[in-house]
Amino acid sequence: MSNGSVERRIRRRSVHRSRSTAVAVSLVVLALVAAWIGTESVLRALGRPPLLADPQTAVDAALRPDAASITVAEVVAVVLVVLGVVLVVLALKPGRQHRSVVEHDRGAVIVDTRIVASTAANAAGRAAGVPEGNASATARGRRTDVRVVPVTGVPVDEHAVEEAVRARLGGLDERFARRVRVHLEQKGTLA
C-alpha cells in the first residue's frame, strides 16, 4: 500500500464518522431473531412447548388475523418501518464529523470546526475593537458566520471585520475564507 493511499484513508477516517455501531446493533438484532427462530423450530421438532411463540403459529396468526392481533401487527409494523428508515438514513448519510482537512507541506492536518469558529471570532473581536465576549462565530463545512455586538457609541466597520476574518481564516486554508458572513447587532453593550 502506498504512502498516499494510507494518508487518504487516515484523512477519511478522521473526517467521517464510523457506521460500525449501527452495523453492530443491526447484526446483533438479526442474530437474536435468527437464534429465536432456530430455538423455537428445534423445540417444536422435539415436541416441547415454545419459549415465546411458535413460529408456525405466529405465521398462521399473521395470515388469519383477528381484531387484537391486527393492532399488535400494526404497532410492530410501525416500529419496523421506523427502524428501517433510521438504518437507511444511517447508511446513506455521509456521517461527517465537524472536522476539515488542511493541506500542509509535511502532510494533512485535521482541524475541528470549533477551532475555525474560535479563530474567526478572535479576528472579528480584534478588528471590531470589542471585548472578547462580544464576538462569536459558528463554522459549518466551509461557511463561517460571525456575530459582533458592538460597544455602545463605538462604530464598527463591518467590511473591515469581514476582511480581518477572511485574512485570518485564509492563513489556515484559503477554502475557509471564501464564505464568511459578518452580522453586526443593532444594539450595543456597555463597556
N, C-alpha and C. Protein backbone atom coordinates (compact mmCIF):
# COMPACT_ATOMS: atom_id res chain seq x y z
N MET A 1 0.85 -1.17 0.00
CA MET A 1 0.00 0.00 0.00
C MET A 1 0.90 1.24 0.00
N SER A 2 0.64 2.17 -0.88
CA SER A 2 1.49 3.34 -0.99
C SER A 2 1.21 4.31 0.16
N ASN A 3 2.14 5.20 0.35
CA ASN A 3 2.02 6.18 1.42
C ASN A 3 0.84 7.11 1.17
N GLY A 4 0.58 7.44 -0.11
CA GLY A 4 -0.54 8.33 -0.45
C GLY A 4 -1.89 7.72 -0.12
N SER A 5 -2.04 6.43 -0.39
CA SER A 5 -3.33 5.79 -0.10
C SER A 5 -3.55 5.66 1.41
N VAL A 6 -2.49 5.41 2.14
CA VAL A 6 -2.61 5.34 3.61
C VAL A 6 -3.03 6.70 4.15
N GLU A 7 -2.41 7.75 3.63
CA GLU A 7 -2.75 9.10 4.10
C GLU A 7 -4.19 9.45 3.75
N ARG A 8 -4.67 9.06 2.56
CA ARG A 8 -6.06 9.31 2.19
C ARG A 8 -7.02 8.58 3.12
N ARG A 9 -6.68 7.34 3.47
CA ARG A 9 -7.54 6.59 4.40
C ARG A 9 -7.57 7.23 5.78
N ILE A 10 -6.43 7.70 6.24
CA ILE A 10 -6.36 8.36 7.55
C ILE A 10 -7.20 9.62 7.54
N ARG A 11 -7.10 10.41 6.46
CA ARG A 11 -7.91 11.62 6.35
C ARG A 11 -9.40 11.29 6.38
N ARG A 12 -9.77 10.29 5.59
CA ARG A 12 -11.19 9.93 5.51
C ARG A 12 -11.70 9.47 6.88
N ARG A 13 -10.94 8.66 7.57
CA ARG A 13 -11.37 8.17 8.89
C ARG A 13 -11.43 9.29 9.91
N SER A 14 -10.60 10.31 9.74
CA SER A 14 -10.59 11.42 10.69
C SER A 14 -11.76 12.37 10.46
N VAL A 15 -12.23 12.46 9.23
CA VAL A 15 -13.28 13.41 8.90
C VAL A 15 -14.66 12.77 8.91
N HIS A 16 -14.77 11.48 8.60
CA HIS A 16 -16.07 10.81 8.52
C HIS A 16 -16.31 9.93 9.74
N ARG A 17 -17.55 9.92 10.18
CA ARG A 17 -17.96 9.14 11.34
C ARG A 17 -18.11 7.67 10.95
N SER A 18 -17.74 6.81 11.85
CA SER A 18 -17.84 5.38 11.61
C SER A 18 -19.30 4.93 11.72
N ARG A 19 -19.67 3.97 10.89
CA ARG A 19 -21.02 3.42 10.95
C ARG A 19 -21.02 2.05 11.63
N SER A 20 -19.92 1.70 12.26
CA SER A 20 -19.80 0.36 12.83
C SER A 20 -20.80 0.12 13.96
N THR A 21 -21.18 1.12 14.71
CA THR A 21 -22.14 0.94 15.80
C THR A 21 -23.50 0.53 15.25
N ALA A 22 -23.97 1.23 14.22
CA ALA A 22 -25.27 0.89 13.63
C ALA A 22 -25.23 -0.50 13.01
N VAL A 23 -24.13 -0.84 12.36
CA VAL A 23 -23.99 -2.17 11.76
C VAL A 23 -23.98 -3.24 12.84
N ALA A 24 -23.23 -3.00 13.92
CA ALA A 24 -23.15 -3.99 15.00
C ALA A 24 -24.51 -4.20 15.66
N VAL A 25 -25.25 -3.13 15.92
CA VAL A 25 -26.57 -3.26 16.53
C VAL A 25 -27.50 -4.04 15.60
N SER A 26 -27.47 -3.71 14.32
CA SER A 26 -28.32 -4.42 13.35
C SER A 26 -27.99 -5.91 13.30
N LEU A 27 -26.71 -6.22 13.30
CA LEU A 27 -26.31 -7.63 13.25
C LEU A 27 -26.69 -8.38 14.52
N VAL A 28 -26.57 -7.74 15.67
CA VAL A 28 -26.96 -8.39 16.93
C VAL A 28 -28.46 -8.67 16.93
N VAL A 29 -29.26 -7.69 16.49
CA VAL A 29 -30.72 -7.90 16.43
C VAL A 29 -31.04 -9.03 15.46
N LEU A 30 -30.41 -9.03 14.30
CA LEU A 30 -30.63 -10.09 13.32
C LEU A 30 -30.23 -11.46 13.87
N ALA A 31 -29.10 -11.51 14.57
CA ALA A 31 -28.65 -12.78 15.15
C ALA A 31 -29.62 -13.27 16.23
N LEU A 32 -30.15 -12.35 17.04
CA LEU A 32 -31.10 -12.74 18.08
C LEU A 32 -32.40 -13.27 17.48
N VAL A 33 -32.88 -12.62 16.42
CA VAL A 33 -34.10 -13.09 15.76
C VAL A 33 -33.85 -14.47 15.14
N ALA A 34 -32.71 -14.65 14.49
CA ALA A 34 -32.39 -15.95 13.89
C ALA A 34 -32.25 -17.03 14.97
N ALA A 35 -31.62 -16.69 16.09
CA ALA A 35 -31.47 -17.65 17.19
C ALA A 35 -32.84 -18.02 17.77
N TRP A 36 -33.73 -17.04 17.90
CA TRP A 36 -35.07 -17.33 18.43
C TRP A 36 -35.82 -18.26 17.48
N ILE A 37 -35.79 -17.96 16.19
CA ILE A 37 -36.50 -18.81 15.22
C ILE A 37 -35.91 -20.21 15.24
N GLY A 38 -34.59 -20.31 15.29
CA GLY A 38 -33.95 -21.63 15.35
C GLY A 38 -34.31 -22.40 16.60
N THR A 39 -34.30 -21.73 17.75
CA THR A 39 -34.65 -22.38 19.02
C THR A 39 -36.10 -22.85 19.02
N GLU A 40 -36.99 -21.99 18.56
CA GLU A 40 -38.40 -22.37 18.52
C GLU A 40 -38.63 -23.54 17.56
N SER A 41 -37.92 -23.54 16.45
CA SER A 41 -38.07 -24.65 15.49
C SER A 41 -37.60 -25.97 16.08
N VAL A 42 -36.46 -25.93 16.79
CA VAL A 42 -35.94 -27.16 17.42
C VAL A 42 -36.90 -27.63 18.51
N LEU A 43 -37.41 -26.69 19.31
CA LEU A 43 -38.36 -27.08 20.36
C LEU A 43 -39.62 -27.68 19.76
N ARG A 44 -40.10 -27.15 18.66
CA ARG A 44 -41.29 -27.71 18.02
C ARG A 44 -40.99 -29.11 17.48
N ALA A 45 -39.81 -29.29 16.88
CA ALA A 45 -39.44 -30.61 16.34
C ALA A 45 -39.34 -31.65 17.45
N LEU A 46 -38.93 -31.23 18.64
CA LEU A 46 -38.82 -32.15 19.78
C LEU A 46 -40.15 -32.33 20.51
N GLY A 47 -41.16 -31.56 20.11
CA GLY A 47 -42.47 -31.69 20.75
C GLY A 47 -42.56 -30.95 22.07
N ARG A 48 -41.67 -30.02 22.32
CA ARG A 48 -41.66 -29.25 23.57
C ARG A 48 -42.44 -27.95 23.37
N PRO A 49 -42.89 -27.34 24.45
CA PRO A 49 -43.63 -26.07 24.33
C PRO A 49 -42.68 -24.94 23.91
N PRO A 50 -43.18 -23.93 23.17
CA PRO A 50 -42.31 -22.82 22.71
C PRO A 50 -41.90 -21.90 23.85
N LEU A 51 -40.76 -21.23 23.67
CA LEU A 51 -40.29 -20.25 24.66
C LEU A 51 -41.18 -19.00 24.65
N LEU A 52 -41.33 -18.41 23.50
CA LEU A 52 -42.17 -17.20 23.37
C LEU A 52 -43.41 -17.48 22.54
N ALA A 53 -43.19 -17.91 21.30
CA ALA A 53 -44.31 -18.22 20.41
C ALA A 53 -43.79 -19.15 19.33
N ASP A 54 -44.60 -20.07 18.96
CA ASP A 54 -44.24 -20.99 17.88
C ASP A 54 -44.23 -20.21 16.57
N PRO A 55 -43.12 -20.29 15.80
CA PRO A 55 -43.07 -19.52 14.54
C PRO A 55 -44.22 -19.87 13.59
N GLN A 56 -44.62 -21.15 13.53
CA GLN A 56 -45.72 -21.53 12.64
C GLN A 56 -47.03 -20.91 13.10
N THR A 57 -47.25 -20.88 14.42
CA THR A 57 -48.45 -20.26 14.98
C THR A 57 -48.45 -18.76 14.69
N ALA A 58 -47.27 -18.14 14.79
CA ALA A 58 -47.17 -16.70 14.51
C ALA A 58 -47.48 -16.41 13.05
N VAL A 59 -46.98 -17.26 12.15
CA VAL A 59 -47.26 -17.09 10.71
C VAL A 59 -48.74 -17.30 10.44
N ASP A 60 -49.32 -18.34 11.03
CA ASP A 60 -50.75 -18.60 10.84
C ASP A 60 -51.60 -17.45 11.37
N ALA A 61 -51.22 -16.89 12.52
CA ALA A 61 -51.96 -15.76 13.10
C ALA A 61 -51.82 -14.53 12.22
N ALA A 62 -50.67 -14.37 11.59
CA ALA A 62 -50.46 -13.21 10.71
C ALA A 62 -51.28 -13.36 9.43
N LEU A 63 -51.46 -14.61 8.96
CA LEU A 63 -52.22 -14.82 7.74
C LEU A 63 -53.72 -14.76 7.97
N ARG A 64 -54.16 -15.12 9.18
CA ARG A 64 -55.59 -15.06 9.52
C ARG A 64 -55.75 -14.23 10.80
N PRO A 65 -55.60 -12.90 10.68
CA PRO A 65 -55.60 -12.08 11.89
C PRO A 65 -57.01 -11.83 12.44
N ASP A 66 -57.07 -11.67 13.77
CA ASP A 66 -58.30 -11.23 14.40
C ASP A 66 -58.11 -9.76 14.79
N ALA A 67 -59.07 -9.16 15.44
CA ALA A 67 -59.02 -7.72 15.74
C ALA A 67 -57.85 -7.36 16.65
N ALA A 68 -57.56 -8.17 17.66
CA ALA A 68 -56.48 -7.86 18.59
C ALA A 68 -55.11 -8.00 17.93
N SER A 69 -54.95 -9.03 17.13
CA SER A 69 -53.64 -9.23 16.51
C SER A 69 -53.37 -8.23 15.39
N ILE A 70 -54.43 -7.66 14.81
CA ILE A 70 -54.23 -6.61 13.80
C ILE A 70 -53.57 -5.40 14.44
N THR A 71 -54.03 -5.01 15.63
CA THR A 71 -53.45 -3.87 16.33
C THR A 71 -51.99 -4.13 16.68
N VAL A 72 -51.71 -5.31 17.18
CA VAL A 72 -50.33 -5.67 17.52
C VAL A 72 -49.47 -5.67 16.26
N ALA A 73 -49.98 -6.21 15.17
CA ALA A 73 -49.24 -6.25 13.91
C ALA A 73 -48.97 -4.85 13.38
N GLU A 74 -49.94 -3.96 13.53
CA GLU A 74 -49.74 -2.58 13.08
C GLU A 74 -48.66 -1.88 13.89
N VAL A 75 -48.66 -2.08 15.20
CA VAL A 75 -47.64 -1.47 16.05
C VAL A 75 -46.26 -2.02 15.70
N VAL A 76 -46.16 -3.33 15.53
CA VAL A 76 -44.88 -3.95 15.15
C VAL A 76 -44.43 -3.44 13.80
N ALA A 77 -45.36 -3.31 12.86
CA ALA A 77 -45.02 -2.81 11.52
C ALA A 77 -44.50 -1.38 11.58
N VAL A 78 -45.15 -0.53 12.38
CA VAL A 78 -44.71 0.86 12.51
C VAL A 78 -43.30 0.92 13.10
N VAL A 79 -43.05 0.13 14.15
CA VAL A 79 -41.72 0.10 14.77
C VAL A 79 -40.67 -0.37 13.76
N LEU A 80 -40.99 -1.41 12.98
CA LEU A 80 -40.05 -1.91 11.99
C LEU A 80 -39.80 -0.90 10.87
N VAL A 81 -40.83 -0.19 10.46
CA VAL A 81 -40.66 0.84 9.42
C VAL A 81 -39.77 1.97 9.93
N VAL A 82 -40.01 2.42 11.16
CA VAL A 82 -39.18 3.49 11.73
C VAL A 82 -37.73 3.02 11.85
N LEU A 83 -37.53 1.80 12.34
CA LEU A 83 -36.18 1.24 12.44
C LEU A 83 -35.53 1.14 11.07
N GLY A 84 -36.29 0.72 10.08
CA GLY A 84 -35.76 0.62 8.72
C GLY A 84 -35.37 1.97 8.16
N VAL A 85 -36.21 2.99 8.39
CA VAL A 85 -35.88 4.34 7.91
C VAL A 85 -34.62 4.86 8.58
N VAL A 86 -34.49 4.64 9.89
CA VAL A 86 -33.29 5.08 10.61
C VAL A 86 -32.05 4.39 10.04
N LEU A 87 -32.14 3.10 9.80
CA LEU A 87 -30.99 2.38 9.26
C LEU A 87 -30.64 2.83 7.84
N VAL A 88 -31.65 3.10 7.03
CA VAL A 88 -31.38 3.59 5.67
C VAL A 88 -30.72 4.97 5.72
N VAL A 89 -31.21 5.85 6.59
CA VAL A 89 -30.60 7.17 6.73
C VAL A 89 -29.16 7.05 7.19
N LEU A 90 -28.91 6.19 8.17
CA LEU A 90 -27.53 5.99 8.64
C LEU A 90 -26.64 5.43 7.54
N ALA A 91 -27.19 4.59 6.69
CA ALA A 91 -26.39 4.00 5.62
C ALA A 91 -26.08 5.01 4.52
N LEU A 92 -27.01 5.91 4.22
CA LEU A 92 -26.83 6.84 3.11
C LEU A 92 -26.23 8.18 3.51
N LYS A 93 -26.41 8.56 4.75
CA LYS A 93 -25.90 9.84 5.23
C LYS A 93 -24.38 9.80 5.24
N PRO A 94 -23.73 10.89 4.86
CA PRO A 94 -22.27 10.85 4.77
C PRO A 94 -21.57 10.66 6.11
N GLY A 95 -22.20 11.00 7.20
CA GLY A 95 -21.59 10.77 8.50
C GLY A 95 -20.37 11.62 8.75
N ARG A 96 -20.40 12.88 8.34
CA ARG A 96 -19.25 13.74 8.52
C ARG A 96 -19.11 14.21 9.96
N GLN A 97 -17.90 14.23 10.41
CA GLN A 97 -17.58 14.83 11.70
C GLN A 97 -17.42 16.32 11.47
N HIS A 98 -17.31 17.08 12.52
CA HIS A 98 -17.11 18.52 12.39
C HIS A 98 -15.63 18.81 12.30
N ARG A 99 -15.03 18.28 11.24
CA ARG A 99 -13.59 18.45 11.03
C ARG A 99 -13.34 18.70 9.55
N SER A 100 -12.20 19.33 9.27
CA SER A 100 -11.80 19.57 7.89
C SER A 100 -10.33 19.23 7.75
N VAL A 101 -9.95 18.86 6.53
CA VAL A 101 -8.56 18.55 6.24
C VAL A 101 -7.91 19.79 5.66
N VAL A 102 -6.77 20.17 6.23
CA VAL A 102 -5.98 21.29 5.74
C VAL A 102 -4.66 20.73 5.24
N GLU A 103 -4.34 21.03 3.98
CA GLU A 103 -3.10 20.53 3.40
C GLU A 103 -1.90 21.26 4.03
N HIS A 104 -0.87 20.52 4.26
CA HIS A 104 0.37 21.07 4.82
C HIS A 104 1.52 20.41 4.09
N ASP A 105 2.68 21.08 4.06
CA ASP A 105 3.81 20.52 3.30
C ASP A 105 4.33 19.21 3.89
N ARG A 106 4.07 18.95 5.16
CA ARG A 106 4.53 17.69 5.76
C ARG A 106 3.40 16.68 5.94
N GLY A 107 2.26 16.93 5.37
CA GLY A 107 1.14 16.00 5.47
C GLY A 107 -0.14 16.76 5.74
N ALA A 108 -1.19 16.04 5.96
CA ALA A 108 -2.50 16.65 6.20
C ALA A 108 -2.67 16.97 7.68
N VAL A 109 -3.36 18.05 7.94
CA VAL A 109 -3.69 18.46 9.30
C VAL A 109 -5.21 18.46 9.40
N ILE A 110 -5.73 17.85 10.44
CA ILE A 110 -7.17 17.81 10.67
C ILE A 110 -7.54 18.94 11.64
N VAL A 111 -8.46 19.81 11.20
CA VAL A 111 -8.86 20.97 12.00
C VAL A 111 -10.32 20.83 12.36
N ASP A 112 -10.62 20.94 13.65
CA ASP A 112 -12.00 20.90 14.13
C ASP A 112 -12.68 22.22 13.79
N THR A 113 -13.97 22.20 13.48
CA THR A 113 -14.66 23.44 13.11
C THR A 113 -14.75 24.42 14.28
N ARG A 114 -14.65 23.91 15.51
CA ARG A 114 -14.64 24.83 16.66
C ARG A 114 -13.38 25.69 16.66
N ILE A 115 -12.29 25.14 16.15
CA ILE A 115 -11.04 25.91 16.04
C ILE A 115 -11.23 27.02 15.01
N VAL A 116 -11.85 26.67 13.88
CA VAL A 116 -12.11 27.66 12.84
C VAL A 116 -13.02 28.76 13.38
N ALA A 117 -14.08 28.38 14.09
CA ALA A 117 -15.01 29.37 14.64
C ALA A 117 -14.32 30.26 15.69
N SER A 118 -13.52 29.67 16.53
CA SER A 118 -12.81 30.44 17.55
C SER A 118 -11.82 31.41 16.91
N THR A 119 -11.13 30.97 15.88
CA THR A 119 -10.20 31.83 15.17
C THR A 119 -10.94 33.00 14.52
N ALA A 120 -12.09 32.72 13.91
CA ALA A 120 -12.88 33.78 13.28
C ALA A 120 -13.40 34.77 14.32
N ALA A 121 -13.88 34.28 15.44
CA ALA A 121 -14.39 35.16 16.49
C ALA A 121 -13.28 36.04 17.06
N ASN A 122 -12.11 35.47 17.25
CA ASN A 122 -10.97 36.23 17.76
C ASN A 122 -10.58 37.33 16.78
N ALA A 123 -10.50 37.00 15.50
CA ALA A 123 -10.14 38.00 14.50
C ALA A 123 -11.20 39.10 14.41
N ALA A 124 -12.48 38.72 14.49
CA ALA A 124 -13.56 39.70 14.42
C ALA A 124 -13.54 40.62 15.63
N GLY A 125 -13.31 40.05 16.80
CA GLY A 125 -13.26 40.86 18.01
C GLY A 125 -12.13 41.87 17.98
N ARG A 126 -10.96 41.44 17.51
CA ARG A 126 -9.82 42.37 17.42
C ARG A 126 -10.08 43.46 16.39
N ALA A 127 -10.61 43.08 15.23
CA ALA A 127 -10.86 44.07 14.18
C ALA A 127 -11.95 45.06 14.58
N ALA A 128 -12.95 44.59 15.33
CA ALA A 128 -14.04 45.47 15.75
C ALA A 128 -13.70 46.26 16.99
N GLY A 129 -12.67 45.86 17.72
CA GLY A 129 -12.29 46.55 18.95
C GLY A 129 -13.30 46.34 20.06
N VAL A 130 -13.85 45.13 20.13
CA VAL A 130 -14.85 44.82 21.17
C VAL A 130 -14.25 43.83 22.15
N PRO A 131 -14.81 43.74 23.35
CA PRO A 131 -14.33 42.74 24.31
C PRO A 131 -14.50 41.32 23.76
N GLU A 132 -13.78 40.39 24.35
CA GLU A 132 -13.75 39.02 23.86
C GLU A 132 -15.13 38.37 23.78
N GLY A 133 -16.00 38.64 24.70
CA GLY A 133 -17.32 38.01 24.72
C GLY A 133 -18.31 38.60 23.73
N ASN A 134 -17.95 39.70 23.07
CA ASN A 134 -18.87 40.36 22.15
C ASN A 134 -18.77 39.85 20.72
N ALA A 135 -17.86 38.95 20.45
CA ALA A 135 -17.74 38.38 19.11
C ALA A 135 -17.86 36.87 19.22
N SER A 136 -18.73 36.31 18.40
CA SER A 136 -18.89 34.85 18.37
C SER A 136 -18.99 34.40 16.92
N ALA A 137 -18.72 33.13 16.71
CA ALA A 137 -18.75 32.62 15.33
C ALA A 137 -19.15 31.16 15.35
N THR A 138 -19.72 30.73 14.24
CA THR A 138 -20.02 29.32 14.02
C THR A 138 -19.47 28.95 12.65
N ALA A 139 -18.96 27.75 12.56
CA ALA A 139 -18.41 27.26 11.29
C ALA A 139 -19.07 25.93 10.96
N ARG A 140 -19.55 25.82 9.73
CA ARG A 140 -20.15 24.58 9.24
C ARG A 140 -19.61 24.35 7.85
N GLY A 141 -18.88 23.27 7.71
CA GLY A 141 -18.27 22.98 6.41
C GLY A 141 -17.31 24.08 6.06
N ARG A 142 -17.54 24.74 4.96
CA ARG A 142 -16.67 25.84 4.51
C ARG A 142 -17.28 27.21 4.79
N ARG A 143 -18.41 27.27 5.49
CA ARG A 143 -19.10 28.52 5.76
C ARG A 143 -18.86 28.94 7.20
N THR A 144 -18.58 30.22 7.38
CA THR A 144 -18.35 30.76 8.72
C THR A 144 -19.25 31.97 8.91
N ASP A 145 -20.06 31.96 9.96
CA ASP A 145 -20.93 33.08 10.31
C ASP A 145 -20.39 33.72 11.59
N VAL A 146 -20.19 35.03 11.52
CA VAL A 146 -19.63 35.78 12.65
C VAL A 146 -20.67 36.78 13.13
N ARG A 147 -20.83 36.86 14.45
CA ARG A 147 -21.78 37.80 15.06
C ARG A 147 -21.00 38.71 15.99
N VAL A 148 -21.13 40.02 15.78
CA VAL A 148 -20.40 41.00 16.59
C VAL A 148 -21.41 41.91 17.27
N VAL A 149 -21.26 42.07 18.59
CA VAL A 149 -22.08 43.01 19.37
C VAL A 149 -21.17 44.18 19.69
N PRO A 150 -21.41 45.34 19.05
CA PRO A 150 -20.51 46.48 19.27
C PRO A 150 -20.67 47.08 20.67
N VAL A 151 -19.66 47.83 21.06
CA VAL A 151 -19.73 48.59 22.31
C VAL A 151 -20.51 49.86 21.98
N THR A 152 -21.43 50.24 22.84
CA THR A 152 -22.29 51.40 22.60
C THR A 152 -21.43 52.64 22.39
N GLY A 153 -21.73 53.34 21.29
CA GLY A 153 -21.03 54.59 20.99
C GLY A 153 -19.77 54.41 20.17
N VAL A 154 -19.34 53.18 19.93
CA VAL A 154 -18.13 52.94 19.14
C VAL A 154 -18.55 52.31 17.83
N PRO A 155 -18.35 53.01 16.70
CA PRO A 155 -18.76 52.44 15.42
C PRO A 155 -17.84 51.28 15.01
N VAL A 156 -18.44 50.32 14.32
CA VAL A 156 -17.70 49.15 13.84
C VAL A 156 -17.87 49.08 12.33
N ASP A 157 -16.75 48.95 11.62
CA ASP A 157 -16.78 48.82 10.17
C ASP A 157 -16.96 47.34 9.82
N GLU A 158 -18.14 47.00 9.32
CA GLU A 158 -18.46 45.61 9.01
C GLU A 158 -17.52 45.04 7.96
N HIS A 159 -17.18 45.85 6.96
CA HIS A 159 -16.29 45.38 5.89
C HIS A 159 -14.89 45.08 6.43
N ALA A 160 -14.40 45.93 7.33
CA ALA A 160 -13.07 45.70 7.91
C ALA A 160 -13.06 44.42 8.75
N VAL A 161 -14.15 44.19 9.47
CA VAL A 161 -14.24 42.97 10.27
C VAL A 161 -14.24 41.75 9.36
N GLU A 162 -15.03 41.81 8.29
CA GLU A 162 -15.09 40.69 7.35
C GLU A 162 -13.73 40.42 6.71
N GLU A 163 -13.02 41.47 6.32
CA GLU A 163 -11.70 41.29 5.71
C GLU A 163 -10.70 40.71 6.73
N ALA A 164 -10.78 41.14 7.98
CA ALA A 164 -9.88 40.60 9.00
C ALA A 164 -10.14 39.12 9.23
N VAL A 165 -11.42 38.74 9.25
CA VAL A 165 -11.77 37.33 9.43
C VAL A 165 -11.29 36.52 8.23
N ARG A 166 -11.52 37.05 7.02
CA ARG A 166 -11.06 36.36 5.81
C ARG A 166 -9.55 36.18 5.81
N ALA A 167 -8.83 37.21 6.21
CA ALA A 167 -7.36 37.12 6.23
C ALA A 167 -6.89 36.06 7.23
N ARG A 168 -7.50 36.05 8.42
CA ARG A 168 -7.07 35.10 9.44
C ARG A 168 -7.42 33.67 9.03
N LEU A 169 -8.63 33.45 8.51
CA LEU A 169 -9.02 32.11 8.09
C LEU A 169 -8.25 31.68 6.85
N GLY A 170 -7.90 32.63 5.98
CA GLY A 170 -7.09 32.32 4.82
C GLY A 170 -5.71 31.82 5.20
N GLY A 171 -5.23 32.22 6.39
CA GLY A 171 -3.96 31.71 6.88
C GLY A 171 -4.03 30.24 7.24
N LEU A 172 -5.22 29.78 7.65
CA LEU A 172 -5.40 28.35 7.92
C LEU A 172 -5.50 27.59 6.60
N ASP A 173 -6.44 28.03 5.77
CA ASP A 173 -6.67 27.42 4.46
C ASP A 173 -7.57 28.37 3.69
N GLU A 174 -7.22 28.63 2.43
CA GLU A 174 -8.00 29.62 1.66
C GLU A 174 -9.45 29.21 1.48
N ARG A 175 -9.77 27.93 1.61
CA ARG A 175 -11.16 27.48 1.47
C ARG A 175 -12.03 28.01 2.60
N PHE A 176 -11.47 28.19 3.80
CA PHE A 176 -12.24 28.71 4.92
C PHE A 176 -12.60 30.19 4.73
N ALA A 177 -11.79 30.93 3.98
CA ALA A 177 -12.00 32.37 3.81
C ALA A 177 -13.00 32.70 2.71
N ARG A 178 -13.47 31.73 1.97
CA ARG A 178 -14.35 32.01 0.83
C ARG A 178 -15.75 32.42 1.24
N ARG A 179 -16.33 31.75 2.24
CA ARG A 179 -17.73 32.00 2.61
C ARG A 179 -17.82 32.49 4.04
N VAL A 180 -17.53 33.79 4.22
CA VAL A 180 -17.59 34.41 5.54
C VAL A 180 -18.72 35.43 5.52
N ARG A 181 -19.56 35.37 6.54
CA ARG A 181 -20.65 36.34 6.67
C ARG A 181 -20.58 36.97 8.05
N VAL A 182 -20.57 38.29 8.10
CA VAL A 182 -20.49 39.03 9.36
C VAL A 182 -21.83 39.71 9.61
N HIS A 183 -22.32 39.56 10.83
CA HIS A 183 -23.58 40.20 11.22
C HIS A 183 -23.30 41.08 12.43
N LEU A 184 -23.57 42.38 12.26
CA LEU A 184 -23.41 43.34 13.37
C LEU A 184 -24.76 43.51 14.05
N GLU A 185 -24.77 43.35 15.35
CA GLU A 185 -26.00 43.57 16.11
C GLU A 185 -26.32 45.06 16.14
N GLN A 186 -27.61 45.39 16.13
CA GLN A 186 -28.04 46.79 16.12
C GLN A 186 -27.83 47.45 17.48
N LYS A 187 -28.06 46.70 18.54
CA LYS A 187 -27.90 47.24 19.88
C LYS A 187 -26.54 46.82 20.43
N GLY A 188 -25.83 47.79 20.98
CA GLY A 188 -24.52 47.51 21.54
C GLY A 188 -24.61 47.23 23.03
N THR A 189 -23.47 46.99 23.62
CA THR A 189 -23.39 46.76 25.05
C THR A 189 -22.52 47.83 25.68
N LEU A 190 -22.62 47.98 26.96
CA LEU A 190 -21.77 48.92 27.68
C LEU A 190 -20.42 48.27 27.94
N ALA A 191 -19.39 49.06 27.84
CA ALA A 191 -18.04 48.53 28.04
C ALA A 191 -17.76 48.24 29.48
